[in-house]
Amino acid sequence: MLVIGGGLLGVLIGSLTAKKRGGSGADMAQYGAGYGIAFALIGMIATVVIERMVV
């Protein structure tokens, strides 16, 4: 769940960052993909840490 939420949040933040900097649609897609991957990775690590602490 954290992976999906993190990925979607990353896409949103990345797209808004590119738009704020005056980027085109392709820039927004690239920033969204980069941020989405990074935030999904953070969400995956957080999920593993939480699972290890619970069990």
PDB file of N, CA and C in Angstrom:
ATOM      1  N   MET A   1       0.820  -1.187   0.000  1.00  0.00           N
ATOM      2  CA  MET A   1       0.000   0.000   0.000  1.00  0.00           C
ATOM      3  C   MET A   1       0.872   1.262   0.000  1.00  0.00           C
ATOM      4  N   LEU A   2       1.931   1.236   0.777  1.00  0.00           N
ATOM      5  CA  LEU A   2       2.820   2.398   0.815  1.00  0.00           C
ATOM      6  C   LEU A   2       3.541   2.595  -0.509  1.00  0.00           C
ATOM      7  N   VAL A   3       3.774   1.499  -1.205  1.00  0.00           N
ATOM      8  CA  VAL A   3       4.473   1.595  -2.495  1.00  0.00           C
ATOM      9  C   VAL A   3       3.599   2.324  -3.506  1.00  0.00           C
ATOM     10  N   ILE A   4       2.336   1.958  -3.582  1.00  0.00           N
ATOM     11  CA  ILE A   4       1.423   2.595  -4.536  1.00  0.00           C
ATOM     12  C   ILE A   4       1.186   4.053  -4.163  1.00  0.00           C
ATOM     13  N   GLY A   5       0.939   4.307  -2.887  1.00  0.00           N
ATOM     14  CA  GLY A   5       0.718   5.677  -2.436  1.00  0.00           C
ATOM     15  C   GLY A   5       1.940   6.547  -2.653  1.00  0.00           C
ATOM     16  N   GLY A   6       3.102   6.000  -2.354  1.00  0.00           N
ATOM     17  CA  GLY A   6       4.340   6.745  -2.560  1.00  0.00           C
ATOM     18  C   GLY A   6       4.578   7.039  -4.025  1.00  0.00           C
ATOM     19  N   GLY A   7       4.310   6.062  -4.864  1.00  0.00           N
ATOM     20  CA  GLY A   7       4.486   6.261  -6.307  1.00  0.00           C
ATOM     21  C   GLY A   7       3.559   7.332  -6.855  1.00  0.00           C
ATOM     22  N   LEU A   8       2.308   7.298  -6.443  1.00  0.00           N
ATOM     23  CA  LEU A   8       1.355   8.306  -6.917  1.00  0.00           C
ATOM     24  C   LEU A   8       1.704   9.695  -6.394  1.00  0.00           C
ATOM     25  N   LEU A   9       2.115   9.762  -5.150  1.00  0.00           N
ATOM     26  CA  LEU A   9       2.529  11.048  -4.584  1.00  0.00           C
ATOM     27  C   LEU A   9       3.754  11.582  -5.323  1.00  0.00           C
ATOM     28  N   GLY A  10       4.683  10.706  -5.652  1.00  0.00           N
ATOM     29  CA  GLY A  10       5.871  11.105  -6.397  1.00  0.00           C
ATOM     30  C   GLY A  10       5.542  11.637  -7.777  1.00  0.00           C
ATOM     31  N   VAL A  11       4.623  10.973  -8.458  1.00  0.00           N
ATOM     32  CA  VAL A  11       4.212  11.436  -9.787  1.00  0.00           C
ATOM     33  C   VAL A  11       3.587  12.822  -9.684  1.00  0.00           C
ATOM     34  N   LEU A  12       2.750  13.018  -8.690  1.00  0.00           N
ATOM     35  CA  LEU A  12       2.104  14.317  -8.510  1.00  0.00           C
ATOM     36  C   LEU A  12       3.129  15.413  -8.207  1.00  0.00           C
ATOM     37  N   ILE A  13       4.019  15.150  -7.275  1.00  0.00           N
ATOM     38  CA  ILE A  13       5.032  16.141  -6.909  1.00  0.00           C
ATOM     39  C   ILE A  13       5.970  16.416  -8.086  1.00  0.00           C
ATOM     40  N   GLY A  14       6.384  15.375  -8.791  1.00  0.00           N
ATOM     41  CA  GLY A  14       7.270  15.550  -9.934  1.00  0.00           C
ATOM     42  C   GLY A  14       6.629  16.375 -11.045  1.00  0.00           C
ATOM     43  N   SER A  15       5.381  16.088 -11.340  1.00  0.00           N
ATOM     44  CA  SER A  15       4.685  16.835 -12.388  1.00  0.00           C
ATOM     45  C   SER A  15       4.519  18.297 -12.004  1.00  0.00           C
ATOM     46  N   LEU A  16       4.166  18.548 -10.764  1.00  0.00           N
ATOM     47  CA  LEU A  16       4.000  19.922 -10.310  1.00  0.00           C
ATOM     48  C   LEU A  16       5.335  20.674 -10.291  1.00  0.00           C
ATOM     49  N   THR A  17       6.408  19.973  -9.953  1.00  0.00           N
ATOM     50  CA  THR A  17       7.736  20.596  -9.960  1.00  0.00           C
ATOM     51  C   THR A  17       8.122  21.014 -11.373  1.00  0.00           C
ATOM     52  N   ALA A  18       7.899  20.128 -12.341  1.00  0.00           N
ATOM     53  CA  ALA A  18       8.233  20.455 -13.732  1.00  0.00           C
ATOM     54  C   ALA A  18       7.369  21.599 -14.248  1.00  0.00           C
ATOM     55  N   LYS A  19       6.094  21.603 -13.887  1.00  0.00           N
ATOM     56  CA  LYS A  19       5.197  22.667 -14.329  1.00  0.00           C
ATOM     57  C   LYS A  19       5.620  24.005 -13.724  1.00  0.00           C
ATOM     58  N   LYS A  20       6.013  23.970 -12.460  1.00  0.00           N
ATOM     59  CA  LYS A  20       6.449  25.192 -11.770  1.00  0.00           C
ATOM     60  C   LYS A  20       7.700  25.772 -12.431  1.00  0.00           C
ATOM     61  N   ARG A  21       8.566  24.899 -12.941  1.00  0.00           N
ATOM     62  CA  ARG A  21       9.793  25.343 -13.595  1.00  0.00           C
ATOM     63  C   ARG A  21       9.584  25.696 -15.062  1.00  0.00           C
ATOM     64  N   GLY A  22       8.347  25.620 -15.527  1.00  0.00           N
ATOM     65  CA  GLY A  22       8.043  26.006 -16.904  1.00  0.00           C
ATOM     66  C   GLY A  22       8.299  24.916 -17.924  1.00  0.00           C
ATOM     67  N   GLY A  23       8.231  23.670 -17.517  1.00  0.00           N
ATOM     68  CA  GLY A  23       8.501  22.561 -18.415  1.00  0.00           C
ATOM     69  C   GLY A  23       7.325  22.210 -19.305  1.00  0.00           C
ATOM     70  N   SER A  24       7.621  21.496 -20.376  1.00  0.00           N
ATOM     71  CA  SER A  24       6.576  21.038 -21.296  1.00  0.00           C
ATOM     72  C   SER A  24       5.932  19.763 -20.754  1.00  0.00           C
ATOM     73  N   GLY A  25       5.041  19.201 -21.536  1.00  0.00           N
ATOM     74  CA  GLY A  25       4.375  17.964 -21.129  1.00  0.00           C
ATOM     75  C   GLY A  25       5.346  16.808 -20.978  1.00  0.00           C
ATOM     76  N   ALA A  26       6.341  16.760 -21.874  1.00  0.00           N
ATOM     77  CA  ALA A  26       7.344  15.698 -21.788  1.00  0.00           C
ATOM     78  C   ALA A  26       8.193  15.854 -20.527  1.00  0.00           C
ATOM     79  N   ASP A  27       8.488  17.097 -20.158  1.00  0.00           N
ATOM     80  CA  ASP A  27       9.241  17.339 -18.930  1.00  0.00           C
ATOM     81  C   ASP A  27       8.442  16.891 -17.706  1.00  0.00           C
ATOM     82  N   MET A  28       7.154  17.197 -17.717  1.00  0.00           N
ATOM     83  CA  MET A  28       6.306  16.793 -16.590  1.00  0.00           C
ATOM     84  C   MET A  28       6.234  15.274 -16.486  1.00  0.00           C
ATOM     85  N   ALA A  29       6.177  14.597 -17.640  1.00  0.00           N
ATOM     86  CA  ALA A  29       6.144  13.134 -17.625  1.00  0.00           C
ATOM     87  C   ALA A  29       7.457  12.563 -17.100  1.00  0.00           C
ATOM     88  N   GLN A  30       8.565  13.153 -17.522  1.00  0.00           N
ATOM     89  CA  GLN A  30       9.865  12.643 -17.083  1.00  0.00           C
ATOM     90  C   GLN A  30      10.071  12.888 -15.593  1.00  0.00           C
ATOM     91  N   TYR A  31       9.758  14.081 -15.123  1.00  0.00           N
ATOM     92  CA  TYR A  31       9.883  14.367 -13.694  1.00  0.00           C
ATOM     93  C   TYR A  31       8.941  13.475 -12.895  1.00  0.00           C
ATOM     94  N   GLY A  32       7.721  13.305 -13.398  1.00  0.00           N
ATOM     95  CA  GLY A  32       6.749  12.453 -12.713  1.00  0.00           C
ATOM     96  C   GLY A  32       7.235  11.023 -12.602  1.00  0.00           C
ATOM     97  N   ALA A  33       7.835  10.513 -13.670  1.00  0.00           N
ATOM     98  CA  ALA A  33       8.353   9.140 -13.640  1.00  0.00           C
ATOM     99  C   ALA A  33       9.511   9.016 -12.659  1.00  0.00           C
ATOM    100  N   GLY A  34      10.422   9.973 -12.688  1.00  0.00           N
ATOM    101  CA  GLY A  34      11.573   9.929 -11.789  1.00  0.00           C
ATOM    102  C   GLY A  34      11.169  10.010 -10.326  1.00  0.00           C
ATOM    103  N   TYR A  35      10.334  10.974 -10.019  1.00  0.00           N
ATOM    104  CA  TYR A  35       9.876  11.128  -8.637  1.00  0.00           C
ATOM    105  C   TYR A  35       9.019   9.928  -8.224  1.00  0.00           C
ATOM    106  N   GLY A  36       8.195   9.433  -9.135  1.00  0.00           N
ATOM    107  CA  GLY A  36       7.348   8.281  -8.821  1.00  0.00           C
ATOM    108  C   GLY A  36       8.163   7.056  -8.468  1.00  0.00           C
ATOM    109  N   ILE A  37       9.214   6.790  -9.223  1.00  0.00           N
ATOM    110  CA  ILE A  37      10.083   5.648  -8.943  1.00  0.00           C
ATOM    111  C   ILE A  37      10.788   5.831  -7.606  1.00  0.00           C
ATOM    112  N   ALA A  38      11.287   7.036  -7.364  1.00  0.00           N
ATOM    113  CA  ALA A  38      12.001   7.295  -6.106  1.00  0.00           C
ATOM    114  C   ALA A  38      11.080   7.138  -4.898  1.00  0.00           C
ATOM    115  N   PHE A  39       9.883   7.707  -4.971  1.00  0.00           N
ATOM    116  CA  PHE A  39       8.962   7.621  -3.842  1.00  0.00           C
ATOM    117  C   PHE A  39       8.439   6.198  -3.655  1.00  0.00           C
ATOM    118  N   ALA A  40       8.239   5.450  -4.748  1.00  0.00           N
ATOM    119  CA  ALA A  40       7.810   4.059  -4.629  1.00  0.00           C
ATOM    120  C   ALA A  40       8.899   3.230  -3.952  1.00  0.00           C
ATOM    121  N   LEU A  41      10.150   3.503  -4.274  1.00  0.00           N
ATOM    122  CA  LEU A  41      11.257   2.804  -3.631  1.00  0.00           C
ATOM    123  C   LEU A  41      11.285   3.104  -2.133  1.00  0.00           C
ATOM    124  N   ILE A  42      11.103   4.357  -1.775  1.00  0.00           N
ATOM    125  CA  ILE A  42      11.048   4.725  -0.355  1.00  0.00           C
ATOM    126  C   ILE A  42       9.877   4.020   0.325  1.00  0.00           C
ATOM    127  N   GLY A  43       8.729   3.961  -0.349  1.00  0.00           N
ATOM    128  CA  GLY A  43       7.567   3.266   0.204  1.00  0.00           C
ATOM    129  C   GLY A  43       7.819   1.779   0.383  1.00  0.00           C
ATOM    130  N   MET A  44       8.538   1.174  -0.557  1.00  0.00           N
ATOM    131  CA  MET A  44       8.855  -0.246  -0.443  1.00  0.00           C
ATOM    132  C   MET A  44       9.779  -0.506   0.746  1.00  0.00           C
ATOM    133  N   ILE A  45      10.783   0.335   0.912  1.00  0.00           N
ATOM    134  CA  ILE A  45      11.694   0.183   2.043  1.00  0.00           C
ATOM    135  C   ILE A  45      10.943   0.376   3.357  1.00  0.00           C
ATOM    136  N   ALA A  46      10.067   1.382   3.412  1.00  0.00           N
ATOM    137  CA  ALA A  46       9.277   1.607   4.628  1.00  0.00           C
ATOM    138  C   ALA A  46       8.381   0.411   4.934  1.00  0.00           C
ATOM    139  N   THR A  47       7.803  -0.197   3.906  1.00  0.00           N
ATOM    140  CA  THR A  47       6.953  -1.373   4.101  1.00  0.00           C
ATOM    141  C   THR A  47       7.752  -2.532   4.680  1.00  0.00           C
ATOM    142  N   VAL A  48       8.949  -2.771   4.160  1.00  0.00           N
ATOM    143  CA  VAL A  48       9.789  -3.859   4.660  1.00  0.00           C
ATOM    144  C   VAL A  48      10.179  -3.606   6.112  1.00  0.00           C
ATOM    145  N   VAL A  49      10.549  -2.367   6.415  1.00  0.00           N
ATOM    146  CA  VAL A  49      10.947  -2.035   7.801  1.00  0.00           C
ATOM    147  C   VAL A  49       9.778  -2.231   8.759  1.00  0.00           C
ATOM    148  N   ILE A  50       8.594  -1.775   8.366  1.00  0.00           N
ATOM    149  CA  ILE A  50       7.422  -1.928   9.227  1.00  0.00           C
ATOM    150  C   ILE A  50       7.079  -3.394   9.421  1.00  0.00           C
ATOM    151  N   GLU A  51       7.133  -4.183   8.363  1.00  0.00           N
ATOM    152  CA  GLU A  51       6.844  -5.620   8.469  1.00  0.00           C
ATOM    153  C   GLU A  51       7.826  -6.326   9.384  1.00  0.00           C
ATOM    154  N   ARG A  52       9.084  -5.959   9.288  1.00  0.00           N
ATOM    155  CA  ARG A  52      10.113  -6.586  10.146  1.00  0.00           C
ATOM    156  C   ARG A  52       9.895  -6.216  11.606  1.00  0.00           C
ATOM    157  N   MET A  53       9.432  -5.008  11.874  1.00  0.00           N
ATOM    158  CA  MET A  53       9.219  -4.575  13.254  1.00  0.00           C
ATOM    159  C   MET A  53       8.000  -5.250  13.865  1.00  0.00           C
ATOM    160  N   VAL A  54       6.996  -5.558  13.071  1.00  0.00           N
ATOM    161  CA  VAL A  54       5.761  -6.152  13.573  1.00  0.00           C
ATOM    162  C   VAL A  54       5.942  -7.632  13.856  1.00  0.00           C
ATOM    163  N   VAL A  55       6.644  -8.315  13.019  1.00  0.00           N
ATOM    164  CA  VAL A  55       6.780  -9.777  13.156  1.00  0.00           C
ATOM    165  C   VAL A  55       7.829 -10.160  14.134  1.00  0.00           C
TER     166      VAL A  55
END
